[in-house]
């Protein structure tokens, strides 16, 4: 059976970790390691959060050598602006966020979950969706207009029907109450909820203006 890329990458990582252990224990002389392998060891430890001095101690190399390796690794991993990569990266972030959101909503609907777990899960799911929308707005993937923002955020997953103003207000109130009950209504959440209410008010005002314009137009047509 052919080896997949994931399996190959895992085997390489395990091989590097084993080599690091052997160097640390003295079973392998670090002077016999070629530059490419040495840098793979440095990169593996750097990804684990080890500082430069600790990496040097673990691998029995000088800090100067490790610093040069880290500089080379950063250059090798540097990314140039690329629209296709940006699209793929944004798509990947979106899929991961929605996966987390779906998991939290399943937990919020689980019969085995406690009331506290359900409310916290639903609130966390709301935060993921809300922050994802805001991030996509800054990247230009979603509109910034208040009416469109509210419509996008409150588009129900259980129905294709656009929610009314009253339904939107009820949703925000339910989220606020759930956060209070769970004890997670912090200052940031309060500000976000206030911002949502402001947007709903703007949407309500826009609808009132539209109704007034329509009524005026009908009266003018009638007089003509």
N, C-alpha and C. Protein backbone atom coordinates (compact mmCIF):
# COMPACT_ATOMS: atom_id res chain seq x y z
N UNK A 1 0.85 -1.19 0.00
CA UNK A 1 0.00 0.00 0.00
C UNK A 1 0.89 1.25 0.00
N UNK A 2 0.65 2.23 -0.92
CA UNK A 2 1.48 3.42 -0.97
C UNK A 2 1.33 4.27 0.28
N UNK A 3 2.42 4.97 0.64
CA UNK A 3 2.40 5.82 1.82
C UNK A 3 1.85 7.19 1.47
N UNK A 4 0.88 7.69 2.24
CA UNK A 4 0.31 9.00 1.97
C UNK A 4 1.27 10.09 2.42
N UNK A 5 1.00 11.33 1.96
CA UNK A 5 1.85 12.46 2.34
C UNK A 5 1.81 12.68 3.85
N UNK A 6 0.62 12.49 4.45
CA UNK A 6 0.49 12.67 5.90
C UNK A 6 1.31 11.65 6.67
N UNK A 7 1.25 10.39 6.20
CA UNK A 7 2.02 9.34 6.85
C UNK A 7 3.52 9.60 6.72
N UNK A 8 3.92 10.06 5.53
CA UNK A 8 5.34 10.34 5.29
C UNK A 8 5.82 11.48 6.18
N UNK A 9 4.99 12.53 6.29
CA UNK A 9 5.34 13.66 7.14
C UNK A 9 5.43 13.25 8.61
N UNK A 10 4.50 12.38 9.04
CA UNK A 10 4.52 11.91 10.43
C UNK A 10 5.76 11.08 10.71
N UNK A 11 6.13 10.24 9.76
CA UNK A 11 7.33 9.41 9.92
C UNK A 11 8.59 10.28 10.02
N UNK A 12 8.63 11.35 9.19
CA UNK A 12 9.78 12.25 9.22
C UNK A 12 9.86 12.98 10.56
N UNK A 13 8.69 13.42 11.06
CA UNK A 13 8.67 14.10 12.35
C UNK A 13 9.13 13.19 13.48
N UNK A 14 8.66 11.95 13.44
CA UNK A 14 9.06 10.99 14.46
C UNK A 14 10.56 10.71 14.39
N UNK A 15 11.09 10.67 13.16
CA UNK A 15 12.52 10.42 12.97
C UNK A 15 13.35 11.58 13.55
N UNK A 16 12.88 12.81 13.32
CA UNK A 16 13.58 13.99 13.84
C UNK A 16 13.53 14.02 15.36
N UNK A 17 12.37 13.70 15.93
CA UNK A 17 12.24 13.68 17.39
C UNK A 17 13.15 12.63 18.02
N UNK A 18 13.25 11.48 17.36
CA UNK A 18 14.14 10.42 17.84
C UNK A 18 15.60 10.88 17.77
N UNK A 19 15.94 11.58 16.69
CA UNK A 19 17.30 12.08 16.53
C UNK A 19 17.63 13.10 17.62
N UNK A 20 16.67 13.98 17.92
CA UNK A 20 16.87 14.99 18.97
C UNK A 20 17.13 14.32 20.31
N UNK A 21 16.36 13.27 20.60
CA UNK A 21 16.55 12.53 21.85
C UNK A 21 17.93 11.87 21.89
N UNK A 22 18.35 11.31 20.75
CA UNK A 22 19.65 10.64 20.70
C UNK A 22 20.79 11.64 20.87
N UNK A 23 20.64 12.84 20.30
CA UNK A 23 21.67 13.88 20.46
C UNK A 23 21.74 14.31 21.92
N UNK A 24 20.55 14.51 22.52
CA UNK A 24 20.50 14.94 23.91
C UNK A 24 21.09 13.93 24.87
N UNK A 25 20.91 12.64 24.55
CA UNK A 25 21.42 11.58 25.44
C UNK A 25 22.89 11.26 25.20
N UNK A 26 23.42 11.80 24.09
CA UNK A 26 24.81 11.53 23.76
C UNK A 26 24.99 10.33 22.86
N UNK A 27 23.90 9.70 22.44
CA UNK A 27 24.00 8.52 21.56
C UNK A 27 24.43 8.90 20.15
N UNK A 28 24.18 10.16 19.77
CA UNK A 28 24.57 10.65 18.43
C UNK A 28 25.42 11.90 18.61
N UNK A 29 26.54 11.96 17.90
CA UNK A 29 27.42 13.12 17.94
C UNK A 29 26.84 14.20 17.03
N UNK A 30 26.46 15.38 17.56
CA UNK A 30 25.85 16.43 16.75
C UNK A 30 26.76 16.93 15.63
N UNK A 31 28.09 16.76 15.78
CA UNK A 31 29.02 17.20 14.74
C UNK A 31 28.92 16.37 13.47
N UNK A 32 28.31 15.20 13.59
CA UNK A 32 28.18 14.32 12.42
C UNK A 32 26.89 14.58 11.64
N UNK A 33 26.06 15.51 12.13
CA UNK A 33 24.77 15.81 11.48
C UNK A 33 24.98 16.84 10.38
N UNK A 34 24.41 16.60 9.20
CA UNK A 34 24.52 17.58 8.12
C UNK A 34 23.65 18.80 8.42
N UNK A 35 23.88 19.89 7.70
CA UNK A 35 23.22 21.17 7.96
C UNK A 35 21.70 21.06 7.82
N UNK A 36 21.22 20.40 6.78
CA UNK A 36 19.78 20.30 6.54
C UNK A 36 19.08 19.57 7.69
N UNK A 37 19.66 18.47 8.14
CA UNK A 37 19.08 17.70 9.25
C UNK A 37 19.13 18.51 10.55
N UNK A 38 20.24 19.22 10.73
CA UNK A 38 20.39 20.05 11.94
C UNK A 38 19.29 21.11 11.98
N UNK A 39 19.02 21.73 10.84
CA UNK A 39 18.01 22.78 10.80
C UNK A 39 16.61 22.21 11.00
N UNK A 40 16.40 20.99 10.58
CA UNK A 40 15.10 20.36 10.84
C UNK A 40 14.91 20.11 12.33
N UNK A 41 15.99 19.77 13.01
CA UNK A 41 15.92 19.60 14.47
C UNK A 41 15.62 20.93 15.15
N UNK A 42 16.32 21.98 14.71
CA UNK A 42 16.10 23.32 15.28
C UNK A 42 14.68 23.78 15.02
N UNK A 43 14.17 23.54 13.81
CA UNK A 43 12.81 23.97 13.46
C UNK A 43 11.77 23.24 14.30
N UNK A 44 11.99 21.94 14.51
CA UNK A 44 11.04 21.14 15.30
C UNK A 44 10.97 21.66 16.73
N UNK A 45 12.09 21.97 17.33
CA UNK A 45 12.10 22.48 18.71
C UNK A 45 11.55 23.90 18.78
N UNK A 46 11.85 24.70 17.75
CA UNK A 46 11.33 26.07 17.72
C UNK A 46 9.80 26.08 17.65
N UNK A 47 9.23 25.16 16.88
CA UNK A 47 7.77 25.06 16.78
C UNK A 47 7.13 24.65 18.10
N UNK A 48 7.91 23.93 18.92
CA UNK A 48 7.42 23.53 20.23
C UNK A 48 7.53 24.64 21.27
N UNK A 49 8.12 25.77 20.86
CA UNK A 49 8.20 26.92 21.76
C UNK A 49 9.48 27.03 22.56
N UNK A 50 10.47 26.20 22.25
CA UNK A 50 11.74 26.27 22.99
C UNK A 50 12.52 27.52 22.59
N UNK A 51 13.06 28.25 23.55
CA UNK A 51 13.87 29.44 23.23
C UNK A 51 15.22 29.03 22.65
N UNK A 52 15.91 30.00 22.07
CA UNK A 52 17.18 29.73 21.39
C UNK A 52 18.19 29.05 22.32
N UNK A 53 18.35 29.58 23.51
CA UNK A 53 19.35 29.03 24.43
C UNK A 53 19.05 27.58 24.81
N UNK A 54 17.76 27.27 24.97
CA UNK A 54 17.36 25.91 25.34
C UNK A 54 17.62 24.95 24.19
N UNK A 55 17.36 25.41 22.95
CA UNK A 55 17.62 24.56 21.78
C UNK A 55 19.10 24.24 21.68
N UNK A 56 19.92 25.27 21.92
CA UNK A 56 21.37 25.07 21.86
C UNK A 56 21.83 24.05 22.90
N UNK A 57 21.28 24.12 24.11
CA UNK A 57 21.65 23.18 25.17
C UNK A 57 21.20 21.76 24.84
N UNK A 58 19.98 21.64 24.33
CA UNK A 58 19.44 20.30 24.02
C UNK A 58 20.23 19.60 22.92
N UNK A 59 20.67 20.39 21.93
CA UNK A 59 21.31 19.79 20.76
C UNK A 59 22.85 19.90 20.79
N UNK A 60 23.37 20.50 21.87
CA UNK A 60 24.82 20.63 22.03
C UNK A 60 25.47 21.41 20.88
N UNK A 61 24.79 22.48 20.45
CA UNK A 61 25.35 23.39 19.46
C UNK A 61 25.45 24.77 20.08
N UNK A 62 26.24 25.62 19.48
CA UNK A 62 26.39 26.98 20.00
C UNK A 62 25.13 27.80 19.68
N UNK A 63 24.89 28.80 20.51
CA UNK A 63 23.74 29.67 20.26
C UNK A 63 23.88 30.40 18.92
N UNK A 64 25.12 30.72 18.55
CA UNK A 64 25.37 31.39 17.28
C UNK A 64 24.94 30.51 16.10
N UNK A 65 25.23 29.22 16.19
CA UNK A 65 24.84 28.28 15.13
C UNK A 65 23.32 28.16 15.06
N UNK A 66 22.68 28.03 16.21
CA UNK A 66 21.22 27.92 16.25
C UNK A 66 20.57 29.19 15.72
N UNK A 67 21.14 30.35 16.04
CA UNK A 67 20.60 31.62 15.56
C UNK A 67 20.67 31.68 14.03
N UNK A 68 21.80 31.26 13.46
CA UNK A 68 21.92 31.23 12.00
C UNK A 68 20.89 30.29 11.39
N UNK A 69 20.72 29.14 12.03
CA UNK A 69 19.74 28.18 11.52
C UNK A 69 18.33 28.76 11.56
N UNK A 70 17.98 29.44 12.65
CA UNK A 70 16.65 30.04 12.77
C UNK A 70 16.44 31.11 11.71
N UNK A 71 17.49 31.88 11.41
CA UNK A 71 17.39 32.91 10.36
C UNK A 71 17.15 32.27 9.01
N UNK A 72 17.89 31.19 8.71
CA UNK A 72 17.71 30.47 7.44
C UNK A 72 16.31 29.87 7.34
N UNK A 73 15.82 29.33 8.45
CA UNK A 73 14.49 28.70 8.48
C UNK A 73 13.41 29.74 8.20
N UNK A 74 13.54 30.92 8.80
CA UNK A 74 12.56 32.00 8.57
C UNK A 74 12.56 32.43 7.11
N UNK A 75 13.74 32.52 6.52
CA UNK A 75 13.84 32.89 5.10
C UNK A 75 13.19 31.82 4.22
N UNK A 76 13.44 30.56 4.57
CA UNK A 76 12.90 29.45 3.78
C UNK A 76 11.38 29.40 3.86
N UNK A 77 10.84 29.73 5.03
CA UNK A 77 9.39 29.66 5.24
C UNK A 77 8.67 30.97 4.92
N UNK A 78 9.41 31.98 4.48
CA UNK A 78 8.80 33.28 4.19
C UNK A 78 7.79 33.14 3.05
N UNK A 79 6.71 33.91 3.13
CA UNK A 79 5.65 33.87 2.12
C UNK A 79 5.62 35.18 1.35
N UNK A 80 5.49 35.06 0.05
CA UNK A 80 5.31 36.24 -0.79
C UNK A 80 3.82 36.45 -1.04
N UNK A 81 3.40 37.70 -1.26
CA UNK A 81 1.97 37.94 -1.54
C UNK A 81 1.49 37.09 -2.72
N UNK A 82 0.41 36.36 -2.47
CA UNK A 82 -0.12 35.48 -3.50
C UNK A 82 -1.63 35.37 -3.33
N UNK A 83 -2.38 35.81 -4.32
CA UNK A 83 -3.83 35.86 -4.20
C UNK A 83 -4.44 34.47 -4.07
N UNK A 84 -3.88 33.49 -4.76
CA UNK A 84 -4.43 32.14 -4.68
C UNK A 84 -4.20 31.54 -3.29
N UNK A 85 -3.01 31.78 -2.74
CA UNK A 85 -2.74 31.30 -1.38
C UNK A 85 -3.68 31.97 -0.40
N UNK A 86 -3.90 33.28 -0.58
CA UNK A 86 -4.79 34.03 0.32
C UNK A 86 -6.20 33.44 0.28
N UNK A 87 -6.68 33.14 -0.91
CA UNK A 87 -8.02 32.55 -1.04
C UNK A 87 -8.10 31.19 -0.36
N UNK A 88 -7.07 30.37 -0.57
CA UNK A 88 -7.05 29.04 0.05
C UNK A 88 -6.97 29.15 1.57
N UNK A 89 -6.18 30.11 2.06
CA UNK A 89 -6.02 30.28 3.50
C UNK A 89 -7.33 30.74 4.13
N UNK A 90 -7.98 31.72 3.50
CA UNK A 90 -9.26 32.22 4.01
C UNK A 90 -10.30 31.10 3.99
N UNK A 91 -10.30 30.31 2.91
CA UNK A 91 -11.24 29.19 2.82
C UNK A 91 -11.00 28.16 3.91
N UNK A 92 -9.74 27.91 4.21
CA UNK A 92 -9.39 26.96 5.26
C UNK A 92 -9.84 27.47 6.63
N UNK A 93 -9.62 28.76 6.89
CA UNK A 93 -10.05 29.37 8.15
C UNK A 93 -11.57 29.29 8.28
N UNK A 94 -12.27 29.56 7.19
CA UNK A 94 -13.73 29.50 7.20
C UNK A 94 -14.22 28.10 7.54
N UNK A 95 -13.65 27.08 6.90
CA UNK A 95 -14.07 25.71 7.14
C UNK A 95 -13.81 25.29 8.58
N UNK A 96 -12.66 25.67 9.13
CA UNK A 96 -12.33 25.32 10.51
C UNK A 96 -13.28 26.02 11.48
N UNK A 97 -13.55 27.30 11.22
CA UNK A 97 -14.45 28.05 12.10
C UNK A 97 -15.85 27.45 12.09
N UNK A 98 -16.34 27.10 10.91
CA UNK A 98 -17.68 26.53 10.81
C UNK A 98 -17.73 25.13 11.43
N UNK A 99 -16.62 24.41 11.36
CA UNK A 99 -16.56 23.09 11.99
C UNK A 99 -16.67 23.23 13.51
N UNK A 100 -15.93 24.20 14.07
CA UNK A 100 -16.02 24.46 15.51
C UNK A 100 -17.43 24.93 15.89
N UNK A 101 -18.00 25.78 15.06
CA UNK A 101 -19.35 26.30 15.32
C UNK A 101 -20.36 25.16 15.35
N UNK A 102 -20.27 24.26 14.37
CA UNK A 102 -21.19 23.13 14.31
C UNK A 102 -21.06 22.22 15.52
N UNK A 103 -19.81 21.98 15.92
CA UNK A 103 -19.57 21.13 17.10
C UNK A 103 -20.20 21.74 18.35
N UNK A 104 -20.01 23.05 18.53
CA UNK A 104 -20.56 23.72 19.70
C UNK A 104 -22.08 23.72 19.69
N UNK A 105 -22.67 23.87 18.51
CA UNK A 105 -24.13 23.85 18.43
C UNK A 105 -24.68 22.45 18.71
N UNK A 106 -23.95 21.42 18.28
CA UNK A 106 -24.37 20.04 18.60
C UNK A 106 -24.30 19.83 20.11
N UNK A 107 -23.26 20.37 20.73
CA UNK A 107 -23.13 20.25 22.18
C UNK A 107 -24.25 21.00 22.88
N UNK A 108 -24.62 22.15 22.34
CA UNK A 108 -25.69 22.95 22.94
C UNK A 108 -27.04 22.23 22.83
N UNK A 109 -27.18 21.34 21.87
CA UNK A 109 -28.43 20.59 21.69
C UNK A 109 -28.39 19.20 22.30
N UNK A 110 -27.23 18.84 22.88
CA UNK A 110 -27.07 17.50 23.43
C UNK A 110 -27.93 17.30 24.67
N UNK A 111 -28.55 16.15 24.75
CA UNK A 111 -29.38 15.82 25.92
C UNK A 111 -28.53 15.59 27.17
N UNK A 112 -27.29 15.16 26.96
CA UNK A 112 -26.43 14.84 28.09
C UNK A 112 -25.75 16.07 28.70
N UNK A 113 -25.76 17.19 27.97
CA UNK A 113 -25.10 18.39 28.46
C UNK A 113 -25.93 19.07 29.55
N UNK A 114 -25.24 19.70 30.49
CA UNK A 114 -25.92 20.44 31.54
C UNK A 114 -26.42 21.77 30.98
N UNK A 115 -27.28 22.45 31.73
CA UNK A 115 -27.80 23.74 31.29
C UNK A 115 -26.64 24.72 31.10
N UNK A 116 -25.69 24.70 32.04
CA UNK A 116 -24.54 25.60 31.93
C UNK A 116 -23.71 25.30 30.69
N UNK A 117 -23.49 24.03 30.40
CA UNK A 117 -22.71 23.65 29.21
C UNK A 117 -23.43 24.06 27.94
N UNK A 118 -24.75 23.91 27.93
CA UNK A 118 -25.52 24.28 26.74
C UNK A 118 -25.45 25.78 26.48
N UNK A 119 -25.64 26.57 27.54
CA UNK A 119 -25.63 28.02 27.36
C UNK A 119 -24.23 28.51 26.96
N UNK A 120 -23.20 27.95 27.59
CA UNK A 120 -21.84 28.35 27.24
C UNK A 120 -21.49 27.93 25.82
N UNK A 121 -21.94 26.76 25.40
CA UNK A 121 -21.67 26.28 24.05
C UNK A 121 -22.36 27.16 23.01
N UNK A 122 -23.62 27.51 23.28
CA UNK A 122 -24.35 28.35 22.33
C UNK A 122 -23.72 29.74 22.24
N UNK A 123 -23.30 30.26 23.39
CA UNK A 123 -22.68 31.58 23.39
C UNK A 123 -21.33 31.54 22.65
N UNK A 124 -20.55 30.48 22.88
CA UNK A 124 -19.25 30.34 22.20
C UNK A 124 -19.45 30.19 20.70
N UNK A 125 -20.49 29.45 20.31
CA UNK A 125 -20.79 29.29 18.88
C UNK A 125 -21.16 30.63 18.26
N UNK A 126 -21.93 31.43 18.99
CA UNK A 126 -22.30 32.75 18.51
C UNK A 126 -21.07 33.63 18.33
N UNK A 127 -20.12 33.57 19.29
CA UNK A 127 -18.92 34.39 19.21
C UNK A 127 -18.06 34.00 18.01
N UNK A 128 -17.96 32.70 17.73
CA UNK A 128 -17.19 32.25 16.58
C UNK A 128 -17.77 32.82 15.29
N UNK A 129 -19.09 32.71 15.15
CA UNK A 129 -19.75 33.21 13.95
C UNK A 129 -19.63 34.72 13.84
N UNK A 130 -19.83 35.40 14.97
CA UNK A 130 -19.77 36.86 14.98
C UNK A 130 -18.38 37.35 14.60
N UNK A 131 -17.34 36.78 15.21
CA UNK A 131 -15.98 37.21 14.94
C UNK A 131 -15.54 36.82 13.53
N UNK A 132 -16.05 35.70 13.04
CA UNK A 132 -15.73 35.29 11.67
C UNK A 132 -16.30 36.30 10.68
N UNK A 133 -17.54 36.73 10.92
CA UNK A 133 -18.16 37.72 10.05
C UNK A 133 -17.38 39.03 10.08
N UNK A 134 -17.00 39.48 11.26
CA UNK A 134 -16.25 40.73 11.38
C UNK A 134 -14.91 40.64 10.66
N UNK A 135 -14.24 39.49 10.78
CA UNK A 135 -12.96 39.32 10.11
C UNK A 135 -13.13 39.32 8.60
N UNK A 136 -14.19 38.66 8.11
CA UNK A 136 -14.43 38.62 6.68
C UNK A 136 -14.83 39.99 6.15
N UNK A 137 -15.45 40.81 7.00
CA UNK A 137 -15.77 42.17 6.59
C UNK A 137 -14.50 42.99 6.39
N UNK A 138 -13.54 42.86 7.30
CA UNK A 138 -12.29 43.61 7.18
C UNK A 138 -11.49 43.15 5.97
N UNK A 139 -11.65 41.89 5.57
CA UNK A 139 -10.93 41.35 4.41
C UNK A 139 -11.66 41.62 3.10
N UNK A 140 -12.88 42.17 3.20
CA UNK A 140 -13.64 42.50 1.99
C UNK A 140 -14.49 41.36 1.45
N UNK A 141 -14.63 40.28 2.22
CA UNK A 141 -15.44 39.15 1.76
C UNK A 141 -16.92 39.33 2.07
N UNK A 142 -17.25 40.25 2.99
CA UNK A 142 -18.64 40.51 3.34
C UNK A 142 -18.86 42.01 3.37
N UNK A 143 -20.09 42.47 3.11
CA UNK A 143 -20.40 43.91 3.08
C UNK A 143 -20.34 44.52 4.47
N UNK A 144 -20.13 45.84 4.50
CA UNK A 144 -20.03 46.56 5.76
C UNK A 144 -21.32 47.29 6.14
N UNK A 145 -22.31 47.34 5.23
CA UNK A 145 -23.54 48.08 5.50
C UNK A 145 -24.30 47.44 6.66
N UNK A 146 -24.83 48.24 7.58
CA UNK A 146 -25.56 47.70 8.74
C UNK A 146 -26.71 46.77 8.37
N UNK A 147 -27.47 47.15 7.33
CA UNK A 147 -28.63 46.32 6.96
C UNK A 147 -28.18 44.95 6.48
N UNK A 148 -27.08 44.92 5.71
CA UNK A 148 -26.61 43.65 5.18
C UNK A 148 -25.90 42.84 6.25
N UNK A 149 -25.22 43.53 7.17
CA UNK A 149 -24.53 42.84 8.26
C UNK A 149 -25.54 42.06 9.10
N UNK A 150 -26.60 42.76 9.52
CA UNK A 150 -27.60 42.13 10.37
C UNK A 150 -28.26 40.97 9.64
N UNK A 151 -28.56 41.19 8.38
CA UNK A 151 -29.20 40.13 7.61
C UNK A 151 -28.31 38.91 7.48
N UNK A 152 -27.00 39.14 7.28
CA UNK A 152 -26.06 38.02 7.14
C UNK A 152 -25.90 37.27 8.44
N UNK A 153 -25.72 38.02 9.54
CA UNK A 153 -25.46 37.38 10.82
C UNK A 153 -26.65 36.60 11.33
N UNK A 154 -27.85 37.15 11.17
CA UNK A 154 -29.03 36.53 11.74
C UNK A 154 -29.76 35.59 10.79
N UNK A 155 -29.14 35.29 9.67
CA UNK A 155 -29.79 34.37 8.75
C UNK A 155 -29.89 33.01 9.42
N UNK A 156 -31.07 32.57 9.69
CA UNK A 156 -31.27 31.34 10.46
C UNK A 156 -30.85 30.10 9.73
N UNK A 157 -30.24 29.18 10.46
CA UNK A 157 -29.82 27.92 9.85
C UNK A 157 -30.98 26.95 9.72
N UNK A 158 -32.05 27.18 10.49
CA UNK A 158 -33.18 26.26 10.47
C UNK A 158 -34.27 26.70 9.51
N UNK A 159 -34.09 27.88 8.92
CA UNK A 159 -35.14 28.38 8.04
C UNK A 159 -34.53 29.28 6.98
N UNK A 160 -35.10 29.27 5.76
CA UNK A 160 -34.64 30.13 4.69
C UNK A 160 -35.30 31.49 4.75
N UNK A 161 -36.24 31.67 5.67
CA UNK A 161 -36.96 32.93 5.79
C UNK A 161 -36.12 33.94 6.55
N UNK A 162 -36.04 35.17 5.99
CA UNK A 162 -35.28 36.23 6.64
C UNK A 162 -35.98 36.63 7.94
N UNK A 163 -35.25 36.73 9.06
CA UNK A 163 -35.88 37.07 10.34
C UNK A 163 -36.38 38.51 10.35
N UNK A 164 -37.41 38.75 11.12
CA UNK A 164 -37.95 40.09 11.27
C UNK A 164 -37.13 40.86 12.30
N UNK A 165 -37.42 42.18 12.40
CA UNK A 165 -36.73 43.00 13.39
C UNK A 165 -36.97 42.46 14.79
N UNK A 166 -38.22 42.11 15.09
CA UNK A 166 -38.54 41.59 16.42
C UNK A 166 -37.82 40.28 16.70
N UNK A 167 -37.70 39.44 15.69
CA UNK A 167 -36.99 38.17 15.87
C UNK A 167 -35.51 38.41 16.14
N UNK A 168 -34.93 39.39 15.46
CA UNK A 168 -33.52 39.72 15.69
C UNK A 168 -33.32 40.21 17.12
N UNK A 169 -34.23 41.08 17.58
CA UNK A 169 -34.14 41.59 18.95
C UNK A 169 -34.23 40.45 19.96
N UNK A 170 -35.13 39.50 19.67
CA UNK A 170 -35.31 38.35 20.57
C UNK A 170 -34.06 37.48 20.60
N UNK A 171 -33.41 37.32 19.44
CA UNK A 171 -32.18 36.52 19.37
C UNK A 171 -31.09 37.13 20.24
N UNK A 172 -30.91 38.44 20.11
CA UNK A 172 -29.88 39.13 20.89
C UNK A 172 -30.18 39.03 22.38
N UNK A 173 -31.45 39.20 22.73
CA UNK A 173 -31.85 39.11 24.14
C UNK A 173 -31.59 37.71 24.68
N UNK A 174 -31.89 36.69 23.88
CA UNK A 174 -31.68 35.30 24.31
C UNK A 174 -30.19 35.02 24.53
N UNK A 175 -29.36 35.54 23.63
CA UNK A 175 -27.91 35.35 23.78
C UNK A 175 -27.40 36.06 25.03
N UNK A 176 -27.90 37.26 25.27
CA UNK A 176 -27.48 38.02 26.44
C UNK A 176 -27.88 37.32 27.73
N UNK A 177 -29.10 36.81 27.77
CA UNK A 177 -29.57 36.11 28.96
C UNK A 177 -28.79 34.83 29.21
N UNK A 178 -28.49 34.10 28.11
CA UNK A 178 -27.72 32.86 28.23
C UNK A 178 -26.32 33.15 28.76
N UNK A 179 -25.72 34.24 28.28
CA UNK A 179 -24.38 34.60 28.75
C UNK A 179 -24.40 34.99 30.22
N UNK A 180 -25.46 35.70 30.64
CA UNK A 180 -25.58 36.08 32.05
C UNK A 180 -25.71 34.85 32.94
N UNK A 181 -26.56 33.91 32.53
CA UNK A 181 -26.78 32.69 33.32
C UNK A 181 -25.50 31.87 33.44
N UNK A 182 -24.70 31.89 32.37
CA UNK A 182 -23.46 31.10 32.37
C UNK A 182 -22.32 31.85 33.05
N UNK A 183 -22.55 33.11 33.39
CA UNK A 183 -21.51 33.90 34.04
C UNK A 183 -20.38 34.30 33.13
N UNK A 184 -20.65 34.44 31.83
CA UNK A 184 -19.59 34.77 30.86
C UNK A 184 -19.90 36.06 30.11
N UNK A 185 -20.73 36.90 30.69
CA UNK A 185 -21.06 38.18 30.06
C UNK A 185 -20.01 39.21 30.48
N UNK A 186 -18.87 39.18 29.81
CA UNK A 186 -17.80 40.11 30.15
C UNK A 186 -17.98 41.44 29.42
N UNK A 187 -17.04 42.36 29.65
CA UNK A 187 -17.15 43.70 29.06
C UNK A 187 -17.15 43.65 27.54
N UNK A 188 -16.33 42.77 26.97
CA UNK A 188 -16.26 42.65 25.52
C UNK A 188 -17.59 42.18 24.95
N UNK A 189 -18.20 41.20 25.61
CA UNK A 189 -19.48 40.68 25.14
C UNK A 189 -20.57 41.74 25.22
N UNK A 190 -20.54 42.54 26.28
CA UNK A 190 -21.53 43.61 26.44
C UNK A 190 -21.41 44.60 25.29
N UNK A 191 -20.18 44.97 24.94
CA UNK A 191 -19.97 45.92 23.85
C UNK A 191 -20.45 45.35 22.52
N UNK A 192 -20.21 44.06 22.30
CA UNK A 192 -20.65 43.43 21.05
C UNK A 192 -22.17 43.38 20.97
N UNK A 193 -22.80 43.07 22.07
CA UNK A 193 -24.26 43.02 22.10
C UNK A 193 -24.84 44.41 21.86
N UNK A 194 -24.24 45.42 22.47
CA UNK A 194 -24.69 46.80 22.26
C UNK A 194 -24.53 47.20 20.79
N UNK A 195 -23.42 46.77 20.19
CA UNK A 195 -23.19 47.08 18.77
C UNK A 195 -24.24 46.41 17.89
N UNK A 196 -24.59 45.17 18.23
CA UNK A 196 -25.63 44.47 17.47
C UNK A 196 -26.97 45.18 17.58
N UNK A 197 -27.31 45.61 18.78
CA UNK A 197 -28.57 46.32 18.98
C UNK A 197 -28.59 47.63 18.18
N UNK A 198 -27.44 48.30 18.13
CA UNK A 198 -27.35 49.54 17.36
C UNK A 198 -27.58 49.27 15.88
N UNK A 199 -27.02 48.18 15.39
CA UNK A 199 -27.20 47.83 13.99
C UNK A 199 -28.65 47.48 13.68
N UNK A 200 -29.28 46.79 14.61
CA UNK A 200 -30.69 46.46 14.42
C UNK A 200 -31.53 47.74 14.40
N UNK A 201 -31.18 48.69 15.25
CA UNK A 201 -31.90 49.98 15.25
C UNK A 201 -31.72 50.69 13.92
N UNK A 202 -30.51 50.61 13.36
CA UNK A 202 -30.25 51.24 12.07
C UNK A 202 -31.06 50.56 10.97
N UNK A 203 -31.16 49.24 11.06
CA UNK A 203 -31.96 48.50 10.09
C UNK A 203 -33.43 48.88 10.22
N UNK A 204 -33.89 49.00 11.46
CA UNK A 204 -35.28 49.37 11.71
C UNK A 204 -35.57 50.77 11.16
N UNK A 205 -34.62 51.69 11.35
CA UNK A 205 -34.77 53.05 10.83
C UNK A 205 -34.80 53.03 9.31
N UNK A 206 -33.93 52.24 8.71
CA UNK A 206 -33.89 52.15 7.25
C UNK A 206 -35.22 51.62 6.71
N UNK A 207 -35.81 50.65 7.38
CA UNK A 207 -37.09 50.10 6.94
C UNK A 207 -38.21 51.13 7.09
N UNK A 208 -38.16 51.92 8.19
CA UNK A 208 -39.17 52.96 8.39
C UNK A 208 -39.08 54.01 7.28
N UNK A 209 -37.85 54.38 6.93
CA UNK A 209 -37.65 55.36 5.86
C UNK A 209 -38.17 54.81 4.53
N UNK A 210 -37.90 53.51 4.29
CA UNK A 210 -38.37 52.89 3.04
C UNK A 210 -39.89 52.87 2.99
N UNK A 211 -40.53 52.57 4.11
CA UNK A 211 -41.98 52.56 4.15
C UNK A 211 -42.54 53.96 3.88
N UNK A 212 -41.88 54.98 4.46
CA UNK A 212 -42.31 56.36 4.26
C UNK A 212 -42.16 56.77 2.80
N UNK A 213 -41.04 56.38 2.20
CA UNK A 213 -40.82 56.69 0.79
C UNK A 213 -41.86 56.00 -0.09
N UNK A 214 -42.15 54.73 0.20
CA UNK A 214 -43.14 53.99 -0.59
C UNK A 214 -44.52 54.62 -0.46
N UNK A 215 -44.86 55.04 0.78
CA UNK A 215 -46.16 55.66 1.01
C UNK A 215 -46.29 56.98 0.28
N UNK A 216 -45.22 57.77 0.28
CA UNK A 216 -45.22 59.06 -0.42
C UNK A 216 -45.36 58.85 -1.92
N UNK A 217 -44.64 57.84 -2.44
CA UNK A 217 -44.70 57.56 -3.87
C UNK A 217 -46.10 57.13 -4.29
N UNK A 218 -46.75 56.31 -3.46
CA UNK A 218 -48.11 55.85 -3.78
C UNK A 218 -49.10 57.01 -3.81
N UNK A 219 -48.94 57.95 -2.85
CA UNK A 219 -49.84 59.09 -2.80
C UNK A 219 -49.65 60.01 -4.02
N UNK A 220 -48.37 60.16 -4.43
CA UNK A 220 -48.10 60.98 -5.60
C UNK A 220 -48.71 60.35 -6.86
N UNK A 221 -48.57 59.02 -6.97
CA UNK A 221 -49.14 58.32 -8.13
C UNK A 221 -50.66 58.45 -8.13
N UNK A 222 -51.24 58.41 -6.95
CA UNK A 222 -52.71 58.49 -6.84
C UNK A 222 -53.20 59.86 -7.30
N UNK A 223 -52.48 60.93 -6.89
CA UNK A 223 -52.87 62.27 -7.26
C UNK A 223 -52.75 62.49 -8.75
N UNK A 224 -51.75 61.86 -9.36
CA UNK A 224 -51.57 62.01 -10.79
C UNK A 224 -52.71 61.33 -11.56
